[in-house]
Amino acid sequence: MNQQILINDDIHYDDTRQCLIFTAMVSGMLVSCVIETTLSKEQALAHFKAHQFDYEMQAEQQIDEEAYSAQGEIELVQL
């Protein structure tokens, strides 16, 4: 685990964007990690809980690779 990346336990579903969002602290900066989904809010949150470790690893890898979107977010692939 990268010690400069801390994954926050703040997952939420954004109704407007229809995605899951959690944040990571990267060298003191807050970075949004986004998972687009077609699942309902309840299904999406349950899915995230079941695969949380995998999503956190995916986020860490993309942050390490500096794979930020134009909006400065990390876009994750739904598992």
PDB file of N, CA and C in Angstrom:
ATOM      1  N   MET A   1       0.837  -1.191   0.000  1.00  0.00           N
ATOM      2  CA  MET A   1       0.000   0.000   0.000  1.00  0.00           C
ATOM      3  C   MET A   1       0.869   1.237   0.000  1.00  0.00           C
ATOM      4  N   ASN A   2       0.541   2.173  -0.843  1.00  0.00           N
ATOM      5  CA  ASN A   2       1.272   3.421  -0.947  1.00  0.00           C
ATOM      6  C   ASN A   2       0.939   4.288   0.267  1.00  0.00           C
ATOM      7  N   GLN A   3       1.951   4.677   1.019  1.00  0.00           N
ATOM      8  CA  GLN A   3       1.725   5.452   2.236  1.00  0.00           C
ATOM      9  C   GLN A   3       1.335   6.907   1.954  1.00  0.00           C
ATOM     10  N   GLN A   4       1.547   7.379   0.729  1.00  0.00           N
ATOM     11  CA  GLN A   4       1.178   8.751   0.395  1.00  0.00           C
ATOM     12  C   GLN A   4      -0.266   8.843  -0.083  1.00  0.00           C
ATOM     13  N   ILE A   5      -0.939   7.700  -0.231  1.00  0.00           N
ATOM     14  CA  ILE A   5      -2.330   7.665  -0.664  1.00  0.00           C
ATOM     15  C   ILE A   5      -3.174   7.079   0.458  1.00  0.00           C
ATOM     16  N   LEU A   6      -4.130   7.853   0.930  1.00  0.00           N
ATOM     17  CA  LEU A   6      -5.048   7.380   1.956  1.00  0.00           C
ATOM     18  C   LEU A   6      -6.455   7.396   1.385  1.00  0.00           C
ATOM     19  N   ILE A   7      -7.104   6.236   1.389  1.00  0.00           N
ATOM     20  CA  ILE A   7      -8.461   6.132   0.880  1.00  0.00           C
ATOM     21  C   ILE A   7      -9.428   6.453   2.018  1.00  0.00           C
ATOM     22  N   ASN A   8     -10.325   7.392   1.784  1.00  0.00           N
ATOM     23  CA  ASN A   8     -11.299   7.787   2.793  1.00  0.00           C
ATOM     24  C   ASN A   8     -12.519   6.876   2.749  1.00  0.00           C
ATOM     25  N   ASP A   9     -13.172   6.732   3.876  1.00  0.00           N
ATOM     26  CA  ASP A   9     -14.374   5.905   3.982  1.00  0.00           C
ATOM     27  C   ASP A   9     -15.595   6.810   3.838  1.00  0.00           C
ATOM     28  N   ASP A  10     -15.749   7.395   2.643  1.00  0.00           N
ATOM     29  CA  ASP A  10     -16.814   8.387   2.428  1.00  0.00           C
ATOM     30  C   ASP A  10     -17.607   8.106   1.149  1.00  0.00           C
ATOM     31  N   ILE A  11     -17.791   6.841   0.839  1.00  0.00           N
ATOM     32  CA  ILE A  11     -18.501   6.471  -0.388  1.00  0.00           C
ATOM     33  C   ILE A  11     -19.925   7.026  -0.374  1.00  0.00           C
ATOM     34  N   HIS A  12     -20.337   7.571  -1.502  1.00  0.00           N
ATOM     35  CA  HIS A  12     -21.722   8.017  -1.649  1.00  0.00           C
ATOM     36  C   HIS A  12     -22.148   7.899  -3.112  1.00  0.00           C
ATOM     37  N   TYR A  13     -23.440   7.875  -3.310  1.00  0.00           N
ATOM     38  CA  TYR A  13     -24.009   7.775  -4.647  1.00  0.00           C
ATOM     39  C   TYR A  13     -24.462   9.165  -5.070  1.00  0.00           C
ATOM     40  N   ASP A  14     -24.006   9.612  -6.228  1.00  0.00           N
ATOM     41  CA  ASP A  14     -24.391  10.911  -6.769  1.00  0.00           C
ATOM     42  C   ASP A  14     -25.562  10.693  -7.720  1.00  0.00           C
ATOM     43  N   ASP A  15     -26.751  11.129  -7.308  1.00  0.00           N
ATOM     44  CA  ASP A  15     -27.961  10.937  -8.105  1.00  0.00           C
ATOM     45  C   ASP A  15     -27.884  11.650  -9.451  1.00  0.00           C
ATOM     46  N   THR A  16     -27.311  12.815  -9.471  1.00  0.00           N
ATOM     47  CA  THR A  16     -27.234  13.605 -10.698  1.00  0.00           C
ATOM     48  C   THR A  16     -26.360  12.927 -11.748  1.00  0.00           C
ATOM     49  N   ARG A  17     -25.209  12.450 -11.332  1.00  0.00           N
ATOM     50  CA  ARG A  17     -24.265  11.824 -12.258  1.00  0.00           C
ATOM     51  C   ARG A  17     -24.457  10.323 -12.385  1.00  0.00           C
ATOM     52  N   GLN A  18     -25.269   9.741 -11.542  1.00  0.00           N
ATOM     53  CA  GLN A  18     -25.492   8.290 -11.478  1.00  0.00           C
ATOM     54  C   GLN A  18     -24.161   7.547 -11.384  1.00  0.00           C
ATOM     55  N   CYS A  19     -23.457   7.860 -10.302  1.00  0.00           N
ATOM     56  CA  CYS A  19     -22.172   7.221 -10.076  1.00  0.00           C
ATOM     57  C   CYS A  19     -21.882   7.160  -8.577  1.00  0.00           C
ATOM     58  N   LEU A  20     -20.944   6.305  -8.247  1.00  0.00           N
ATOM     59  CA  LEU A  20     -20.421   6.226  -6.888  1.00  0.00           C
ATOM     60  C   LEU A  20     -19.186   7.103  -6.821  1.00  0.00           C
ATOM     61  N   ILE A  21     -19.012   7.781  -5.697  1.00  0.00           N
ATOM     62  CA  ILE A  21     -17.838   8.633  -5.523  1.00  0.00           C
ATOM     63  C   ILE A  21     -17.268   8.409  -4.127  1.00  0.00           C
ATOM     64  N   PHE A  22     -15.956   8.210  -4.066  1.00  0.00           N
ATOM     65  CA  PHE A  22     -15.241   8.232  -2.798  1.00  0.00           C
ATOM     66  C   PHE A  22     -13.989   9.065  -3.016  1.00  0.00           C
ATOM     67  N   THR A  23     -13.343   9.455  -1.940  1.00  0.00           N
ATOM     68  CA  THR A  23     -12.172  10.313  -2.074  1.00  0.00           C
ATOM     69  C   THR A  23     -10.920   9.628  -1.542  1.00  0.00           C
ATOM     70  N   ALA A  24      -9.802  10.151  -2.018  1.00  0.00           N
ATOM     71  CA  ALA A  24      -8.492   9.701  -1.560  1.00  0.00           C
ATOM     72  C   ALA A  24      -7.661  10.942  -1.265  1.00  0.00           C
ATOM     73  N   MET A  25      -6.842  10.859  -0.234  1.00  0.00           N
ATOM     74  CA  MET A  25      -5.888  11.925   0.065  1.00  0.00           C
ATOM     75  C   MET A  25      -4.568  11.547  -0.585  1.00  0.00           C
ATOM     76  N   VAL A  26      -4.094  12.425  -1.456  1.00  0.00           N
ATOM     77  CA  VAL A  26      -2.861  12.170  -2.188  1.00  0.00           C
ATOM     78  C   VAL A  26      -1.920  13.330  -1.906  1.00  0.00           C
ATOM     79  N   SER A  27      -0.924  13.078  -1.095  1.00  0.00           N
ATOM     80  CA  SER A  27       0.039  14.116  -0.722  1.00  0.00           C
ATOM     81  C   SER A  27      -0.660  15.400  -0.275  1.00  0.00           C
ATOM     82  N   GLY A  28      -1.701  15.247   0.531  1.00  0.00           N
ATOM     83  CA  GLY A  28      -2.406  16.385   1.091  1.00  0.00           C
ATOM     84  C   GLY A  28      -3.533  16.928   0.234  1.00  0.00           C
ATOM     85  N   MET A  29      -3.722  16.392  -0.968  1.00  0.00           N
ATOM     86  CA  MET A  29      -4.801  16.851  -1.851  1.00  0.00           C
ATOM     87  C   MET A  29      -5.930  15.832  -1.852  1.00  0.00           C
ATOM     88  N   LEU A  30      -7.162  16.312  -1.907  1.00  0.00           N
ATOM     89  CA  LEU A  30      -8.324  15.450  -1.959  1.00  0.00           C
ATOM     90  C   LEU A  30      -8.670  15.166  -3.421  1.00  0.00           C
ATOM     91  N   VAL A  31      -8.721  13.879  -3.776  1.00  0.00           N
ATOM     92  CA  VAL A  31      -9.002  13.454  -5.147  1.00  0.00           C
ATOM     93  C   VAL A  31     -10.271  12.619  -5.149  1.00  0.00           C
ATOM     94  N   SER A  32     -11.208  12.944  -6.029  1.00  0.00           N
ATOM     95  CA  SER A  32     -12.435  12.164  -6.167  1.00  0.00           C
ATOM     96  C   SER A  32     -12.174  10.959  -7.061  1.00  0.00           C
ATOM     97  N   CYS A  33     -12.696   9.810  -6.632  1.00  0.00           N
ATOM     98  CA  CYS A  33     -12.617   8.572  -7.402  1.00  0.00           C
ATOM     99  C   CYS A  33     -14.043   8.212  -7.789  1.00  0.00           C
ATOM    100  N   VAL A  34     -14.300   8.074  -9.076  1.00  0.00           N
ATOM    101  CA  VAL A  34     -15.656   7.956  -9.599  1.00  0.00           C
ATOM    102  C   VAL A  34     -15.854   6.612 -10.285  1.00  0.00           C
ATOM    103  N   ILE A  35     -17.001   5.985  -9.980  1.00  0.00           N
ATOM    104  CA  ILE A  35     -17.376   4.723 -10.616  1.00  0.00           C
ATOM    105  C   ILE A  35     -18.745   4.932 -11.249  1.00  0.00           C
ATOM    106  N   GLU A  36     -18.809   5.013 -12.571  1.00  0.00           N
ATOM    107  CA  GLU A  36     -20.103   5.136 -13.245  1.00  0.00           C
ATOM    108  C   GLU A  36     -20.818   3.805 -13.151  1.00  0.00           C
ATOM    109  N   THR A  37     -22.146   3.858 -12.958  1.00  0.00           N
ATOM    110  CA  THR A  37     -22.910   2.631 -12.781  1.00  0.00           C
ATOM    111  C   THR A  37     -24.326   2.784 -13.316  1.00  0.00           C
ATOM    112  N   THR A  38     -24.910   1.664 -13.706  1.00  0.00           N
ATOM    113  CA  THR A  38     -26.318   1.647 -14.108  1.00  0.00           C
ATOM    114  C   THR A  38     -27.171   1.040 -13.001  1.00  0.00           C
ATOM    115  N   LEU A  39     -26.533   0.670 -11.899  1.00  0.00           N
ATOM    116  CA  LEU A  39     -27.248   0.071 -10.773  1.00  0.00           C
ATOM    117  C   LEU A  39     -28.015   1.142  -9.995  1.00  0.00           C
ATOM    118  N   SER A  40     -29.033   0.707  -9.260  1.00  0.00           N
ATOM    119  CA  SER A  40     -29.739   1.636  -8.376  1.00  0.00           C
ATOM    120  C   SER A  40     -28.802   2.039  -7.247  1.00  0.00           C
ATOM    121  N   LYS A  41     -29.168   3.064  -6.521  1.00  0.00           N
ATOM    122  CA  LYS A  41     -28.347   3.546  -5.412  1.00  0.00           C
ATOM    123  C   LYS A  41     -28.047   2.426  -4.425  1.00  0.00           C
ATOM    124  N   GLU A  42     -29.073   1.707  -4.001  1.00  0.00           N
ATOM    125  CA  GLU A  42     -28.900   0.629  -3.016  1.00  0.00           C
ATOM    126  C   GLU A  42     -28.020  -0.493  -3.563  1.00  0.00           C
ATOM    127  N   GLN A  43     -28.266  -0.879  -4.821  1.00  0.00           N
ATOM    128  CA  GLN A  43     -27.476  -1.938  -5.448  1.00  0.00           C
ATOM    129  C   GLN A  43     -26.018  -1.505  -5.608  1.00  0.00           C
ATOM    130  N   ALA A  44     -25.825  -0.262  -6.021  1.00  0.00           N
ATOM    131  CA  ALA A  44     -24.475   0.252  -6.244  1.00  0.00           C
ATOM    132  C   ALA A  44     -23.669   0.284  -4.947  1.00  0.00           C
ATOM    133  N   LEU A  45     -24.298   0.746  -3.862  1.00  0.00           N
ATOM    134  CA  LEU A  45     -23.593   0.800  -2.578  1.00  0.00           C
ATOM    135  C   LEU A  45     -23.269  -0.600  -2.064  1.00  0.00           C
ATOM    136  N   ALA A  46     -24.195  -1.546  -2.245  1.00  0.00           N
ATOM    137  CA  ALA A  46     -23.942  -2.935  -1.832  1.00  0.00           C
ATOM    138  C   ALA A  46     -22.817  -3.542  -2.674  1.00  0.00           C
ATOM    139  N   HIS A  47     -22.835  -3.248  -3.966  1.00  0.00           N
ATOM    140  CA  HIS A  47     -21.786  -3.743  -4.868  1.00  0.00           C
ATOM    141  C   HIS A  47     -20.424  -3.194  -4.436  1.00  0.00           C
ATOM    142  N   PHE A  48     -20.377  -1.902  -4.134  1.00  0.00           N
ATOM    143  CA  PHE A  48     -19.112  -1.300  -3.705  1.00  0.00           C
ATOM    144  C   PHE A  48     -18.611  -1.968  -2.429  1.00  0.00           C
ATOM    145  N   LYS A  49     -19.505  -2.168  -1.485  1.00  0.00           N
ATOM    146  CA  LYS A  49     -19.105  -2.781  -0.210  1.00  0.00           C
ATOM    147  C   LYS A  49     -18.504  -4.163  -0.435  1.00  0.00           C
ATOM    148  N   ALA A  50     -19.090  -4.921  -1.369  1.00  0.00           N
ATOM    149  CA  ALA A  50     -18.586  -6.266  -1.656  1.00  0.00           C
ATOM    150  C   ALA A  50     -17.239  -6.254  -2.373  1.00  0.00           C
ATOM    151  N   HIS A  51     -16.932  -5.155  -3.063  1.00  0.00           N
ATOM    152  CA  HIS A  51     -15.699  -5.078  -3.862  1.00  0.00           C
ATOM    153  C   HIS A  51     -14.816  -3.900  -3.468  1.00  0.00           C
ATOM    154  N   GLN A  52     -14.995  -3.407  -2.272  1.00  0.00           N
ATOM    155  CA  GLN A  52     -14.302  -2.192  -1.832  1.00  0.00           C
ATOM    156  C   GLN A  52     -12.783  -2.296  -1.980  1.00  0.00           C
ATOM    157  N   PHE A  53     -12.206  -3.396  -1.538  1.00  0.00           N
ATOM    158  CA  PHE A  53     -10.750  -3.544  -1.600  1.00  0.00           C
ATOM    159  C   PHE A  53     -10.269  -3.457  -3.047  1.00  0.00           C
ATOM    160  N   ASP A  54     -10.984  -4.099  -3.969  1.00  0.00           N
ATOM    161  CA  ASP A  54     -10.594  -4.080  -5.381  1.00  0.00           C
ATOM    162  C   ASP A  54     -10.663  -2.667  -5.954  1.00  0.00           C
ATOM    163  N   TYR A  55     -11.710  -1.919  -5.591  1.00  0.00           N
ATOM    164  CA  TYR A  55     -11.819  -0.536  -6.064  1.00  0.00           C
ATOM    165  C   TYR A  55     -10.722   0.345  -5.482  1.00  0.00           C
ATOM    166  N   GLU A  56     -10.388   0.134  -4.227  1.00  0.00           N
ATOM    167  CA  GLU A  56      -9.315   0.916  -3.608  1.00  0.00           C
ATOM    168  C   GLU A  56      -7.976   0.625  -4.270  1.00  0.00           C
ATOM    169  N   MET A  57      -7.731  -0.633  -4.598  1.00  0.00           N
ATOM    170  CA  MET A  57      -6.483  -0.997  -5.287  1.00  0.00           C
ATOM    171  C   MET A  57      -6.443  -0.377  -6.685  1.00  0.00           C
ATOM    172  N   GLN A  58      -7.583  -0.413  -7.387  1.00  0.00           N
ATOM    173  CA  GLN A  58      -7.679   0.192  -8.716  1.00  0.00           C
ATOM    174  C   GLN A  58      -7.399   1.696  -8.632  1.00  0.00           C
ATOM    175  N   ALA A  59      -7.951   2.347  -7.625  1.00  0.00           N
ATOM    176  CA  ALA A  59      -7.741   3.786  -7.442  1.00  0.00           C
ATOM    177  C   ALA A  59      -6.269   4.084  -7.161  1.00  0.00           C
ATOM    178  N   GLU A  60      -5.665   3.313  -6.265  1.00  0.00           N
ATOM    179  CA  GLU A  60      -4.247   3.528  -5.941  1.00  0.00           C
ATOM    180  C   GLU A  60      -3.377   3.380  -7.178  1.00  0.00           C
ATOM    181  N   GLN A  61      -3.656   2.373  -7.987  1.00  0.00           N
ATOM    182  CA  GLN A  61      -2.860   2.147  -9.194  1.00  0.00           C
ATOM    183  C   GLN A  61      -2.995   3.325 -10.159  1.00  0.00           C
ATOM    184  N   GLN A  62      -4.210   3.794 -10.367  1.00  0.00           N
ATOM    185  CA  GLN A  62      -4.405   4.908 -11.295  1.00  0.00           C
ATOM    186  C   GLN A  62      -3.805   6.204 -10.759  1.00  0.00           C
ATOM    187  N   ILE A  63      -3.874   6.400  -9.452  1.00  0.00           N
ATOM    188  CA  ILE A  63      -3.246   7.582  -8.853  1.00  0.00           C
ATOM    189  C   ILE A  63      -1.733   7.502  -9.031  1.00  0.00           C
ATOM    190  N   ASP A  64      -1.153   6.331  -8.776  1.00  0.00           N
ATOM    191  CA  ASP A  64       0.293   6.149  -8.974  1.00  0.00           C
ATOM    192  C   ASP A  64       0.697   6.450 -10.416  1.00  0.00           C
ATOM    193  N   GLU A  65      -0.181   6.084 -11.363  1.00  0.00           N
ATOM    194  CA  GLU A  65       0.094   6.318 -12.784  1.00  0.00           C
ATOM    195  C   GLU A  65      -0.311   7.723 -13.232  1.00  0.00           C
ATOM    196  N   GLU A  66      -0.836   8.508 -12.286  1.00  0.00           N
ATOM    197  CA  GLU A  66      -1.306   9.869 -12.556  1.00  0.00           C
ATOM    198  C   GLU A  66      -2.307   9.892 -13.702  1.00  0.00           C
ATOM    199  N   ALA A  67      -3.246   8.935 -13.675  1.00  0.00           N
ATOM    200  CA  ALA A  67      -4.262   8.798 -14.726  1.00  0.00           C
ATOM    201  C   ALA A  67      -5.511   9.595 -14.370  1.00  0.00           C
ATOM    202  N   TYR A  68      -5.356  10.892 -14.223  1.00  0.00           N
ATOM    203  CA  TYR A  68      -6.459  11.773 -13.855  1.00  0.00           C
ATOM    204  C   TYR A  68      -7.251  12.176 -15.099  1.00  0.00           C
ATOM    205  N   SER A  69      -8.551  12.331 -14.932  1.00  0.00           N
ATOM    206  CA  SER A  69      -9.396  12.820 -16.026  1.00  0.00           C
ATOM    207  C   SER A  69      -9.173  14.315 -16.194  1.00  0.00           C
ATOM    208  N   ALA A  70      -9.808  14.893 -17.200  1.00  0.00           N
ATOM    209  CA  ALA A  70      -9.708  16.340 -17.428  1.00  0.00           C
ATOM    210  C   ALA A  70     -10.268  17.126 -16.246  1.00  0.00           C
ATOM    211  N   GLN A  71     -11.196  16.498 -15.480  1.00  0.00           N
ATOM    212  CA  GLN A  71     -11.781  17.145 -14.307  1.00  0.00           C
ATOM    213  C   GLN A  71     -10.934  16.932 -13.050  1.00  0.00           C
ATOM    214  N   GLY A  72      -9.816  16.232 -13.169  1.00  0.00           N
ATOM    215  CA  GLY A  72      -8.945  15.982 -12.026  1.00  0.00           C
ATOM    216  C   GLY A  72      -9.395  14.815 -11.167  1.00  0.00           C
ATOM    217  N   GLU A  73     -10.270  13.979 -11.715  1.00  0.00           N
ATOM    218  CA  GLU A  73     -10.790  12.820 -10.986  1.00  0.00           C
ATOM    219  C   GLU A  73     -10.127  11.538 -11.476  1.00  0.00           C
ATOM    220  N   ILE A  74     -10.270  10.515 -10.668  1.00  0.00           N
ATOM    221  CA  ILE A  74      -9.855   9.174 -11.063  1.00  0.00           C
ATOM    222  C   ILE A  74     -11.122   8.433 -11.463  1.00  0.00           C
ATOM    223  N   GLU A  75     -11.176   7.965 -12.709  1.00  0.00           N
ATOM    224  CA  GLU A  75     -12.341   7.247 -13.206  1.00  0.00           C
ATOM    225  C   GLU A  75     -12.069   5.752 -13.154  1.00  0.00           C
ATOM    226  N   LEU A  76     -12.843   5.059 -12.337  1.00  0.00           N
ATOM    227  CA  LEU A  76     -12.653   3.629 -12.146  1.00  0.00           C
ATOM    228  C   LEU A  76     -13.615   2.830 -13.009  1.00  0.00           C
ATOM    229  N   VAL A  77     -13.211   1.621 -13.355  1.00  0.00           N
ATOM    230  CA  VAL A  77     -14.031   0.713 -14.142  1.00  0.00           C
ATOM    231  C   VAL A  77     -14.872  -0.106 -13.188  1.00  0.00           C
ATOM    232  N   GLN A  78     -16.188  -0.174 -13.428  1.00  0.00           N
ATOM    233  CA  GLN A  78     -17.061  -0.973 -12.580  1.00  0.00           C
ATOM    234  C   GLN A  78     -16.708  -2.442 -12.749  1.00  0.00           C
ATOM    235  N   LEU A  79     -16.574  -3.145 -11.639  1.00  0.00           N
ATOM    236  CA  LEU A  79     -16.240  -4.576 -11.660  1.00  0.00           C
ATOM    237  C   LEU A  79     -17.476  -5.418 -11.860  1.00  0.00           C
TER     238      LEU A  79
END
